[in-house]
Amino acid sequence: MLKNVVALLACLATPVFAETVTIDTYAGEVEVQTRPETVAVFDIAALDTLDALGLSVDGVVAPLFVPYVADAAAGADNVGSLFEPDFEAVAAMAPDLVIAGGRSSREVPTLSGIAPTIDMTIWEDTVGQGLARLKAYGVIFGKEAEAEALRAEFADKLAVTKAAVADQGGTLIVMTNGPKVSAYGAAGRFGWLHTALELPEAVEAVEQATHGEAISFEFIKDADPEILIVIDRLAATGQDGDNAAATLDNALVKDTRAFQSGNVIYLDSAPIYIAGGGIQSMMLTLDQILAAFAEG
């Protein structure tokens, strides 16, 4: 009789198997536990979207680079950096879920050996994958209504911004890195600004390299864009050096239609460069572009 009671108590003490759901990840469909209690995050775009959903995490990388996600990371344990996870810290935390992606995607196999891990990289299709990640997090964390509301808000903002930039002319997207300048086309990492907003490319033959095509000031002058969108890598990563405005303070660049008409947009660079595809990142970028034309 005693043995039966002990066995019954043991069964009662054993956690009920958690519900699972199949979600879309960068590696394909994966089954994950819903409403995980302990979560570690190695991707700032993921943290961006989780923060927008009103969620906080238990383990997070440092530095964050993007100040507005601080609330989601408040009180969280440090589990390394984007490129170098602290595997011992992750093991000690024993998370129910690890979210990796982008810069940490190469560490997914090792992290998967420690705890359930999903690769939520956003790369080829920033808007499409970003919205898919938003939906997935909504399902995982029981925040479907909140996720749908954010999707609708983004869709409305995108439509308004698209209307504001319609027929404004050829656009060139550049990123400065101190004195160096690179260009990005519609198929590049910031190409969603071309495709989602239907902004025509001032130069259609831009090399589609991960770090863009290294260009000169003459390249910008010859392209003569009507809109110049600028991302400052040093500002995004908190490094010292010439800012984008100083780098582009050049007679050749100032001779473009974009400069002469005031259509040079210096984006808040950390959101689009570090948290690209995060729902807040995308909306903040649209807000800046919309504001630039509203002011004009």
C-alpha atoms as a PDB file:
ATOM      1  CA  MET A   1       0.000   0.000   0.000  1.00  0.00           C
ATOM      2  CA  LEU A   2       2.783   2.423   0.970  1.00  0.00           C
ATOM      3  CA  LYS A   3       4.597   1.603  -2.259  1.00  0.00           C
ATOM      4  CA  ASN A   4       1.491   2.525  -4.248  1.00  0.00           C
ATOM      5  CA  VAL A   5       1.134   5.829  -2.426  1.00  0.00           C
ATOM      6  CA  VAL A   6       4.784   6.709  -3.079  1.00  0.00           C
ATOM      7  CA  ALA A   7       4.361   5.845  -6.725  1.00  0.00           C
ATOM      8  CA  LEU A   8       1.242   8.010  -6.943  1.00  0.00           C
ATOM      9  CA  LEU A   9       2.989  10.964  -5.305  1.00  0.00           C
ATOM     10  CA  ALA A  10       5.906  10.570  -7.692  1.00  0.00           C
ATOM     11  CA  CYS A  11       3.525  10.736 -10.630  1.00  0.00           C
ATOM     12  CA  LEU A  12       1.865  13.833  -9.240  1.00  0.00           C
ATOM     13  CA  ALA A  13       5.248  15.485  -8.735  1.00  0.00           C
ATOM     14  CA  THR A  14       6.280  14.806 -12.309  1.00  0.00           C
ATOM     15  CA  PRO A  15       5.568  17.820 -14.528  1.00  0.00           C
ATOM     16  CA  VAL A  16       2.800  17.372 -17.047  1.00  0.00           C
ATOM     17  CA  PHE A  17       4.220  17.255 -20.528  1.00  0.00           C
ATOM     18  CA  ALA A  18       4.163  20.759 -21.962  1.00  0.00           C
ATOM     19  CA  GLU A  19       2.140  21.479 -25.071  1.00  0.00           C
ATOM     20  CA  THR A  20       4.101  21.940 -28.257  1.00  0.00           C
ATOM     21  CA  VAL A  21       3.469  23.751 -31.516  1.00  0.00           C
ATOM     22  CA  THR A  22       5.093  23.593 -34.936  1.00  0.00           C
ATOM     23  CA  ILE A  23       6.529  26.928 -36.082  1.00  0.00           C
ATOM     24  CA  ASP A  24       8.437  28.154 -39.103  1.00  0.00           C
ATOM     25  CA  THR A  25      12.137  28.854 -38.484  1.00  0.00           C
ATOM     26  CA  TYR A  26      15.097  29.660 -40.728  1.00  0.00           C
ATOM     27  CA  ALA A  27      15.906  25.937 -40.733  1.00  0.00           C
ATOM     28  CA  GLY A  28      12.338  24.932 -41.590  1.00  0.00           C
ATOM     29  CA  GLU A  29       9.459  23.758 -39.453  1.00  0.00           C
ATOM     30  CA  VAL A  30      10.358  22.933 -35.849  1.00  0.00           C
ATOM     31  CA  GLU A  31       8.262  21.711 -32.923  1.00  0.00           C
ATOM     32  CA  VAL A  32       8.741  23.790 -29.785  1.00  0.00           C
ATOM     33  CA  GLN A  33       7.250  23.977 -26.305  1.00  0.00           C
ATOM     34  CA  THR A  34       4.604  26.644 -25.851  1.00  0.00           C
ATOM     35  CA  ARG A  35       4.839  29.237 -23.087  1.00  0.00           C
ATOM     36  CA  PRO A  36       8.450  28.406 -22.119  1.00  0.00           C
ATOM     37  CA  GLU A  37       9.269  29.653 -18.643  1.00  0.00           C
ATOM     38  CA  THR A  38      12.997  30.225 -19.074  1.00  0.00           C
ATOM     39  CA  VAL A  39      14.243  31.795 -22.308  1.00  0.00           C
ATOM     40  CA  ALA A  40      17.702  32.822 -23.504  1.00  0.00           C
ATOM     41  CA  VAL A  41      18.070  35.063 -26.558  1.00  0.00           C
ATOM     42  CA  PHE A  42      21.075  35.433 -28.863  1.00  0.00           C
ATOM     43  CA  ASP A  43      19.489  37.637 -31.517  1.00  0.00           C
ATOM     44  CA  ILE A  44      18.642  41.325 -31.142  1.00  0.00           C
ATOM     45  CA  ALA A  45      15.929  41.207 -33.825  1.00  0.00           C
ATOM     46  CA  ALA A  46      14.239  38.490 -31.777  1.00  0.00           C
ATOM     47  CA  LEU A  47      14.582  40.548 -28.601  1.00  0.00           C
ATOM     48  CA  ASP A  48      13.128  43.538 -30.463  1.00  0.00           C
ATOM     49  CA  THR A  49       9.983  41.598 -31.365  1.00  0.00           C
ATOM     50  CA  LEU A  50       9.653  39.886 -27.990  1.00  0.00           C
ATOM     51  CA  ASP A  51       9.867  43.304 -26.350  1.00  0.00           C
ATOM     52  CA  ALA A  52       7.113  44.596 -28.642  1.00  0.00           C
ATOM     53  CA  LEU A  53       4.955  41.681 -27.490  1.00  0.00           C
ATOM     54  CA  GLY A  54       5.502  42.705 -23.869  1.00  0.00           C
ATOM     55  CA  LEU A  55       7.752  39.767 -23.051  1.00  0.00           C
ATOM     56  CA  SER A  56      10.957  39.629 -21.010  1.00  0.00           C
ATOM     57  CA  VAL A  57      13.744  37.070 -21.168  1.00  0.00           C
ATOM     58  CA  ASP A  58      15.949  35.320 -18.624  1.00  0.00           C
ATOM     59  CA  GLY A  59      19.242  35.243 -20.504  1.00  0.00           C
ATOM     60  CA  VAL A  60      20.545  37.688 -23.103  1.00  0.00           C
ATOM     61  CA  VAL A  61      23.716  38.718 -24.883  1.00  0.00           C
ATOM     62  CA  ALA A  62      25.693  41.868 -24.208  1.00  0.00           C
ATOM     63  CA  PRO A  63      26.079  44.483 -25.484  1.00  0.00           C
ATOM     64  CA  LEU A  64      22.547  45.022 -26.756  1.00  0.00           C
ATOM     65  CA  PHE A  65      23.418  47.977 -29.057  1.00  0.00           C
ATOM     66  CA  VAL A  66      19.698  48.892 -29.303  1.00  0.00           C
ATOM     67  CA  PRO A  67      18.570  50.826 -26.187  1.00  0.00           C
ATOM     68  CA  TYR A  68      14.832  50.339 -26.592  1.00  0.00           C
ATOM     69  CA  VAL A  69      15.042  46.579 -25.886  1.00  0.00           C
ATOM     70  CA  ALA A  70      16.438  47.188 -22.402  1.00  0.00           C
ATOM     71  CA  ASP A  71      13.087  46.498 -20.742  1.00  0.00           C
ATOM     72  CA  ALA A  72      12.905  42.995 -22.202  1.00  0.00           C
ATOM     73  CA  ALA A  73      16.437  42.311 -20.978  1.00  0.00           C
ATOM     74  CA  ALA A  74      16.074  43.874 -17.533  1.00  0.00           C
ATOM     75  CA  GLY A  75      17.399  41.509 -14.864  1.00  0.00           C
ATOM     76  CA  ALA A  76      18.397  38.871 -17.405  1.00  0.00           C
ATOM     77  CA  ASP A  77      21.590  36.857 -16.986  1.00  0.00           C
ATOM     78  CA  ASN A  78      24.483  37.537 -19.350  1.00  0.00           C
ATOM     79  CA  VAL A  79      24.917  34.552 -21.670  1.00  0.00           C
ATOM     80  CA  GLY A  80      27.785  35.883 -23.763  1.00  0.00           C
ATOM     81  CA  SER A  81      27.860  37.971 -26.945  1.00  0.00           C
ATOM     82  CA  LEU A  82      26.270  37.685 -30.368  1.00  0.00           C
ATOM     83  CA  PHE A  83      29.331  35.918 -31.710  1.00  0.00           C
ATOM     84  CA  GLU A  84      30.559  34.108 -28.585  1.00  0.00           C
ATOM     85  CA  PRO A  85      27.903  32.484 -26.394  1.00  0.00           C
ATOM     86  CA  ASP A  86      28.802  31.597 -22.816  1.00  0.00           C
ATOM     87  CA  PHE A  87      27.861  27.938 -23.083  1.00  0.00           C
ATOM     88  CA  GLU A  88      28.474  27.301 -19.384  1.00  0.00           C
ATOM     89  CA  ALA A  89      26.055  30.082 -18.444  1.00  0.00           C
ATOM     90  CA  VAL A  90      23.445  28.657 -20.795  1.00  0.00           C
ATOM     91  CA  ALA A  91      23.880  25.170 -19.338  1.00  0.00           C
ATOM     92  CA  ALA A  92      23.569  26.510 -15.792  1.00  0.00           C
ATOM     93  CA  MET A  93      20.376  28.348 -16.721  1.00  0.00           C
ATOM     94  CA  ALA A  94      18.858  25.206 -18.304  1.00  0.00           C
ATOM     95  CA  PRO A  95      16.463  27.252 -20.469  1.00  0.00           C
ATOM     96  CA  ASP A  96      13.269  25.826 -21.890  1.00  0.00           C
ATOM     97  CA  LEU A  97      14.051  27.665 -25.128  1.00  0.00           C
ATOM     98  CA  VAL A  98      17.060  29.329 -26.748  1.00  0.00           C
ATOM     99  CA  ILE A  99      16.430  31.767 -29.590  1.00  0.00           C
ATOM    100  CA  ALA A 100      19.386  32.327 -31.897  1.00  0.00           C
ATOM    101  CA  GLY A 101      19.718  33.857 -35.324  1.00  0.00           C
ATOM    102  CA  GLY A 102      21.723  36.109 -37.580  1.00  0.00           C
ATOM    103  CA  ARG A 103      25.151  36.665 -36.117  1.00  0.00           C
ATOM    104  CA  SER A 104      24.688  33.771 -33.653  1.00  0.00           C
ATOM    105  CA  SER A 105      23.253  31.310 -36.175  1.00  0.00           C
ATOM    106  CA  ARG A 106      26.545  29.457 -36.531  1.00  0.00           C
ATOM    107  CA  GLU A 107      26.328  28.513 -32.857  1.00  0.00           C
ATOM    108  CA  VAL A 108      22.909  26.843 -33.183  1.00  0.00           C
ATOM    109  CA  PRO A 109      24.308  23.266 -33.362  1.00  0.00           C
ATOM    110  CA  THR A 110      26.245  23.713 -30.109  1.00  0.00           C
ATOM    111  CA  LEU A 111      23.407  25.505 -28.348  1.00  0.00           C
ATOM    112  CA  SER A 112      21.013  22.770 -29.469  1.00  0.00           C
ATOM    113  CA  GLY A 113      23.144  20.281 -27.597  1.00  0.00           C
ATOM    114  CA  ILE A 114      22.500  22.217 -24.384  1.00  0.00           C
ATOM    115  CA  ALA A 115      18.828  23.205 -24.659  1.00  0.00           C
ATOM    116  CA  PRO A 116      16.022  23.369 -27.236  1.00  0.00           C
ATOM    117  CA  THR A 117      17.196  25.979 -29.749  1.00  0.00           C
ATOM    118  CA  ILE A 118      15.558  27.619 -32.750  1.00  0.00           C
ATOM    119  CA  ASP A 119      17.300  29.553 -35.525  1.00  0.00           C
ATOM    120  CA  MET A 120      15.195  32.648 -36.208  1.00  0.00           C
ATOM    121  CA  THR A 121      17.570  34.304 -38.666  1.00  0.00           C
ATOM    122  CA  ILE A 122      16.090  37.064 -40.826  1.00  0.00           C
ATOM    123  CA  TRP A 123      18.052  37.491 -44.004  1.00  0.00           C
ATOM    124  CA  GLU A 124      16.754  37.084 -47.572  1.00  0.00           C
ATOM    125  CA  ASP A 125      13.305  38.609 -47.022  1.00  0.00           C
ATOM    126  CA  THR A 126      13.432  41.090 -44.163  1.00  0.00           C
ATOM    127  CA  VAL A 127       9.747  41.981 -44.117  1.00  0.00           C
ATOM    128  CA  GLY A 128       8.389  38.516 -44.896  1.00  0.00           C
ATOM    129  CA  GLN A 129      10.665  36.714 -42.453  1.00  0.00           C
ATOM    130  CA  GLY A 130      10.302  39.456 -39.853  1.00  0.00           C
ATOM    131  CA  LEU A 131       6.518  39.111 -39.894  1.00  0.00           C
ATOM    132  CA  ALA A 132       6.800  35.312 -39.863  1.00  0.00           C
ATOM    133  CA  ARG A 133       8.967  35.519 -36.739  1.00  0.00           C
ATOM    134  CA  LEU A 134       6.431  37.861 -35.137  1.00  0.00           C
ATOM    135  CA  LYS A 135       3.662  35.352 -35.798  1.00  0.00           C
ATOM    136  CA  ALA A 136       5.774  32.459 -34.486  1.00  0.00           C
ATOM    137  CA  TYR A 137       6.588  34.239 -31.223  1.00  0.00           C
ATOM    138  CA  GLY A 138       2.915  35.062 -30.811  1.00  0.00           C
ATOM    139  CA  VAL A 139       2.043  31.371 -31.082  1.00  0.00           C
ATOM    140  CA  ILE A 140       4.897  30.203 -28.823  1.00  0.00           C
ATOM    141  CA  PHE A 141       4.169  32.665 -26.026  1.00  0.00           C
ATOM    142  CA  GLY A 142       0.382  32.839 -26.282  1.00  0.00           C
ATOM    143  CA  LYS A 143       0.485  36.370 -27.684  1.00  0.00           C
ATOM    144  CA  GLU A 144      -1.383  35.792 -30.949  1.00  0.00           C
ATOM    145  CA  ALA A 145      -3.675  38.808 -30.551  1.00  0.00           C
ATOM    146  CA  GLU A 146      -0.777  41.123 -29.763  1.00  0.00           C
ATOM    147  CA  ALA A 147       1.199  39.781 -32.721  1.00  0.00           C
ATOM    148  CA  GLU A 148      -1.706  40.349 -35.089  1.00  0.00           C
ATOM    149  CA  ALA A 149      -2.162  43.897 -33.808  1.00  0.00           C
ATOM    150  CA  LEU A 150       1.517  44.638 -34.449  1.00  0.00           C
ATOM    151  CA  ARG A 151       1.309  43.115 -37.931  1.00  0.00           C
ATOM    152  CA  ALA A 152      -1.674  45.314 -38.753  1.00  0.00           C
ATOM    153  CA  GLU A 153       0.073  48.410 -37.380  1.00  0.00           C
ATOM    154  CA  PHE A 154       3.119  47.666 -39.509  1.00  0.00           C
ATOM    155  CA  ALA A 155       1.002  47.122 -42.621  1.00  0.00           C
ATOM    156  CA  ASP A 156      -0.723  50.476 -42.120  1.00  0.00           C
ATOM    157  CA  LYS A 157       2.582  52.271 -41.538  1.00  0.00           C
ATOM    158  CA  LEU A 158       4.118  50.646 -44.604  1.00  0.00           C
ATOM    159  CA  ALA A 159       1.197  51.737 -46.787  1.00  0.00           C
ATOM    160  CA  VAL A 160       1.389  55.343 -45.558  1.00  0.00           C
ATOM    161  CA  THR A 161       5.165  55.497 -46.048  1.00  0.00           C
ATOM    162  CA  LYS A 162       4.936  53.937 -49.507  1.00  0.00           C
ATOM    163  CA  ALA A 163       2.447  56.617 -50.510  1.00  0.00           C
ATOM    164  CA  ALA A 164       4.722  59.360 -49.156  1.00  0.00           C
ATOM    165  CA  VAL A 165       7.742  58.233 -51.195  1.00  0.00           C
ATOM    166  CA  ALA A 166       5.866  57.389 -54.380  1.00  0.00           C
ATOM    167  CA  ASP A 167       7.351  59.046 -57.475  1.00  0.00           C
ATOM    168  CA  GLN A 168      10.191  60.608 -55.491  1.00  0.00           C
ATOM    169  CA  GLY A 169      12.816  59.155 -57.826  1.00  0.00           C
ATOM    170  CA  GLY A 170      15.823  56.837 -57.798  1.00  0.00           C
ATOM    171  CA  THR A 171      17.202  55.852 -54.417  1.00  0.00           C
ATOM    172  CA  LEU A 172      20.672  54.850 -53.311  1.00  0.00           C
ATOM    173  CA  ILE A 173      21.282  53.138 -49.967  1.00  0.00           C
ATOM    174  CA  VAL A 174      24.784  53.532 -48.546  1.00  0.00           C
ATOM    175  CA  MET A 175      26.480  52.548 -45.324  1.00  0.00           C
ATOM    176  CA  THR A 176      29.471  54.408 -43.949  1.00  0.00           C
ATOM    177  CA  ASN A 177      32.097  52.772 -41.767  1.00  0.00           C
ATOM    178  CA  GLY A 178      34.298  55.656 -40.755  1.00  0.00           C
ATOM    179  CA  PRO A 179      35.831  56.915 -44.023  1.00  0.00           C
ATOM    180  CA  LYS A 180      34.653  53.875 -46.017  1.00  0.00           C
ATOM    181  CA  VAL A 181      31.379  53.797 -47.934  1.00  0.00           C
ATOM    182  CA  SER A 182      29.447  50.814 -49.323  1.00  0.00           C
ATOM    183  CA  ALA A 183      26.322  50.667 -51.464  1.00  0.00           C
ATOM    184  CA  TYR A 184      23.432  48.210 -51.147  1.00  0.00           C
ATOM    185  CA  GLY A 185      20.900  47.281 -53.800  1.00  0.00           C
ATOM    186  CA  ALA A 186      17.403  45.820 -53.772  1.00  0.00           C
ATOM    187  CA  ALA A 187      18.712  42.302 -53.176  1.00  0.00           C
ATOM    188  CA  GLY A 188      21.029  43.385 -50.348  1.00  0.00           C
ATOM    189  CA  ARG A 189      20.558  43.334 -46.590  1.00  0.00           C
ATOM    190  CA  PHE A 190      18.694  46.657 -46.589  1.00  0.00           C
ATOM    191  CA  GLY A 191      16.950  45.968 -49.875  1.00  0.00           C
ATOM    192  CA  TRP A 192      13.517  45.780 -48.280  1.00  0.00           C
ATOM    193  CA  LEU A 193      13.493  49.567 -48.373  1.00  0.00           C
ATOM    194  CA  HIS A 194      13.504  49.291 -52.158  1.00  0.00           C
ATOM    195  CA  THR A 195      11.107  46.379 -52.490  1.00  0.00           C
ATOM    196  CA  ALA A 196       8.581  47.072 -49.727  1.00  0.00           C
ATOM    197  CA  LEU A 197       8.419  50.805 -50.450  1.00  0.00           C
ATOM    198  CA  GLU A 198       8.756  50.348 -54.217  1.00  0.00           C
ATOM    199  CA  LEU A 199      11.662  52.777 -54.306  1.00  0.00           C
ATOM    200  CA  PRO A 200      13.462  52.463 -57.671  1.00  0.00           C
ATOM    201  CA  GLU A 201      17.209  51.870 -57.542  1.00  0.00           C
ATOM    202  CA  ALA A 202      19.399  54.749 -58.689  1.00  0.00           C
ATOM    203  CA  VAL A 203      21.960  52.096 -59.659  1.00  0.00           C
ATOM    204  CA  GLU A 204      20.695  48.641 -60.576  1.00  0.00           C
ATOM    205  CA  ALA A 205      24.046  46.869 -60.840  1.00  0.00           C
ATOM    206  CA  VAL A 206      25.153  47.167 -57.215  1.00  0.00           C
ATOM    207  CA  GLU A 207      27.143  44.112 -56.138  1.00  0.00           C
ATOM    208  CA  GLN A 208      25.041  42.005 -53.753  1.00  0.00           C
ATOM    209  CA  ALA A 209      27.736  41.248 -51.178  1.00  0.00           C
ATOM    210  CA  THR A 210      27.021  40.778 -47.477  1.00  0.00           C
ATOM    211  CA  HIS A 211      28.917  43.945 -46.638  1.00  0.00           C
ATOM    212  CA  GLY A 212      27.804  45.822 -49.733  1.00  0.00           C
ATOM    213  CA  GLU A 213      29.818  47.089 -52.665  1.00  0.00           C
ATOM    214  CA  ALA A 214      32.716  49.345 -51.723  1.00  0.00           C
ATOM    215  CA  ILE A 215      32.174  52.611 -53.546  1.00  0.00           C
ATOM    216  CA  SER A 216      33.777  56.026 -53.996  1.00  0.00           C
ATOM    217  CA  PHE A 217      32.336  59.512 -53.800  1.00  0.00           C
ATOM    218  CA  GLU A 218      32.518  59.550 -57.601  1.00  0.00           C
ATOM    219  CA  PHE A 219      30.173  56.548 -57.629  1.00  0.00           C
ATOM    220  CA  ILE A 220      27.594  58.494 -55.621  1.00  0.00           C
ATOM    221  CA  LYS A 221      27.999  61.553 -57.874  1.00  0.00           C
ATOM    222  CA  ASP A 222      27.572  59.454 -61.036  1.00  0.00           C
ATOM    223  CA  ALA A 223      24.551  57.660 -59.569  1.00  0.00           C
ATOM    224  CA  ASP A 224      23.059  61.076 -58.786  1.00  0.00           C
ATOM    225  CA  PRO A 225      20.231  59.666 -56.654  1.00  0.00           C
ATOM    226  CA  GLU A 226      17.138  61.681 -55.898  1.00  0.00           C
ATOM    227  CA  ILE A 227      16.982  60.017 -52.482  1.00  0.00           C
ATOM    228  CA  LEU A 228      20.051  59.003 -50.484  1.00  0.00           C
ATOM    229  CA  ILE A 229      19.465  56.735 -47.472  1.00  0.00           C
ATOM    230  CA  VAL A 230      22.437  56.554 -45.107  1.00  0.00           C
ATOM    231  CA  ILE A 231      23.300  53.985 -42.430  1.00  0.00           C
ATOM    232  CA  ASP A 232      26.241  54.615 -40.086  1.00  0.00           C
ATOM    233  CA  ARG A 233      27.897  51.361 -39.007  1.00  0.00           C
ATOM    234  CA  LEU A 234      30.138  52.985 -36.408  1.00  0.00           C
ATOM    235  CA  ALA A 235      27.141  54.629 -34.764  1.00  0.00           C
ATOM    236  CA  ALA A 236      25.225  51.346 -34.866  1.00  0.00           C
ATOM    237  CA  THR A 237      27.998  49.465 -33.078  1.00  0.00           C
ATOM    238  CA  GLY A 238      29.038  52.253 -30.712  1.00  0.00           C
ATOM    239  CA  GLN A 239      32.510  52.711 -32.171  1.00  0.00           C
ATOM    240  CA  ASP A 240      34.526  55.898 -32.417  1.00  0.00           C
ATOM    241  CA  GLY A 241      35.339  57.513 -35.737  1.00  0.00           C
ATOM    242  CA  ASP A 242      33.948  59.895 -38.332  1.00  0.00           C
ATOM    243  CA  ASN A 243      30.178  59.816 -38.410  1.00  0.00           C
ATOM    244  CA  ALA A 244      28.238  59.450 -41.639  1.00  0.00           C
ATOM    245  CA  ALA A 245      27.602  63.172 -42.035  1.00  0.00           C
ATOM    246  CA  ALA A 246      31.325  63.912 -41.755  1.00  0.00           C
ATOM    247  CA  THR A 247      32.228  61.157 -44.214  1.00  0.00           C
ATOM    248  CA  LEU A 248      29.725  62.405 -46.792  1.00  0.00           C
ATOM    249  CA  ASP A 249      30.740  66.036 -46.361  1.00  0.00           C
ATOM    250  CA  ASN A 250      32.221  65.981 -49.835  1.00  0.00           C
ATOM    251  CA  ALA A 251      31.773  68.245 -52.857  1.00  0.00           C
ATOM    252  CA  LEU A 252      30.986  65.338 -55.158  1.00  0.00           C
ATOM    253  CA  VAL A 253      28.274  63.980 -52.881  1.00  0.00           C
ATOM    254  CA  LYS A 254      26.823  67.430 -52.291  1.00  0.00           C
ATOM    255  CA  ASP A 255      26.416  67.843 -56.035  1.00  0.00           C
ATOM    256  CA  THR A 256      23.763  65.109 -56.176  1.00  0.00           C
ATOM    257  CA  ARG A 257      20.057  65.787 -56.542  1.00  0.00           C
ATOM    258  CA  ALA A 258      19.441  64.153 -53.155  1.00  0.00           C
ATOM    259  CA  PHE A 259      21.617  66.673 -51.330  1.00  0.00           C
ATOM    260  CA  GLN A 260      20.379  69.626 -53.296  1.00  0.00           C
ATOM    261  CA  SER A 261      16.743  68.760 -52.596  1.00  0.00           C
ATOM    262  CA  GLY A 262      17.316  67.805 -48.967  1.00  0.00           C
ATOM    263  CA  ASN A 263      16.390  64.155 -49.542  1.00  0.00           C
ATOM    264  CA  VAL A 264      19.290  62.688 -47.582  1.00  0.00           C
ATOM    265  CA  ILE A 265      17.964  60.467 -44.806  1.00  0.00           C
ATOM    266  CA  TYR A 266      20.344  59.529 -42.001  1.00  0.00           C
ATOM    267  CA  LEU A 267      18.670  56.538 -40.390  1.00  0.00           C
ATOM    268  CA  ASP A 268      18.943  55.607 -36.737  1.00  0.00           C
ATOM    269  CA  SER A 269      21.435  52.895 -37.625  1.00  0.00           C
ATOM    270  CA  ALA A 270      21.388  50.414 -34.729  1.00  0.00           C
ATOM    271  CA  PRO A 271      17.794  49.264 -35.307  1.00  0.00           C
ATOM    272  CA  ILE A 272      18.205  48.503 -39.015  1.00  0.00           C
ATOM    273  CA  TYR A 273      21.788  47.209 -38.797  1.00  0.00           C
ATOM    274  CA  ILE A 274      21.686  45.263 -35.526  1.00  0.00           C
ATOM    275  CA  ALA A 275      17.978  44.403 -35.159  1.00  0.00           C
ATOM    276  CA  GLY A 276      16.966  44.242 -38.808  1.00  0.00           C
ATOM    277  CA  GLY A 277      13.621  42.495 -39.220  1.00  0.00           C
ATOM    278  CA  GLY A 278      12.532  43.106 -35.649  1.00  0.00           C
ATOM    279  CA  ILE A 279       9.021  44.545 -35.748  1.00  0.00           C
ATOM    280  CA  GLN A 280      10.014  47.672 -33.808  1.00  0.00           C
ATOM    281  CA  SER A 281      13.126  48.123 -35.939  1.00  0.00           C
ATOM    282  CA  MET A 282      11.127  48.080 -39.159  1.00  0.00           C
ATOM    283  CA  MET A 283       8.502  50.495 -37.859  1.00  0.00           C
ATOM    284  CA  LEU A 284      11.120  52.899 -36.483  1.00  0.00           C
ATOM    285  CA  THR A 285      12.834  52.962 -39.879  1.00  0.00           C
ATOM    286  CA  LEU A 286       9.542  53.628 -41.662  1.00  0.00           C
ATOM    287  CA  ASP A 287       8.789  56.417 -39.177  1.00  0.00           C
ATOM    288  CA  GLN A 288      12.091  58.113 -40.005  1.00  0.00           C
ATOM    289  CA  ILE A 289      11.563  57.886 -43.748  1.00  0.00           C
ATOM    290  CA  LEU A 290       7.996  59.144 -43.421  1.00  0.00           C
ATOM    291  CA  ALA A 291       9.113  62.020 -41.213  1.00  0.00           C
ATOM    292  CA  ALA A 292      11.783  63.025 -43.741  1.00  0.00           C
ATOM    293  CA  PHE A 293       9.191  63.493 -46.473  1.00  0.00           C
ATOM    294  CA  ALA A 294       6.610  65.015 -44.163  1.00  0.00           C
ATOM    295  CA  GLU A 295       9.181  67.683 -43.265  1.00  0.00           C
ATOM    296  CA  GLY A 296       9.921  68.215 -46.924  1.00  0.00           C
END
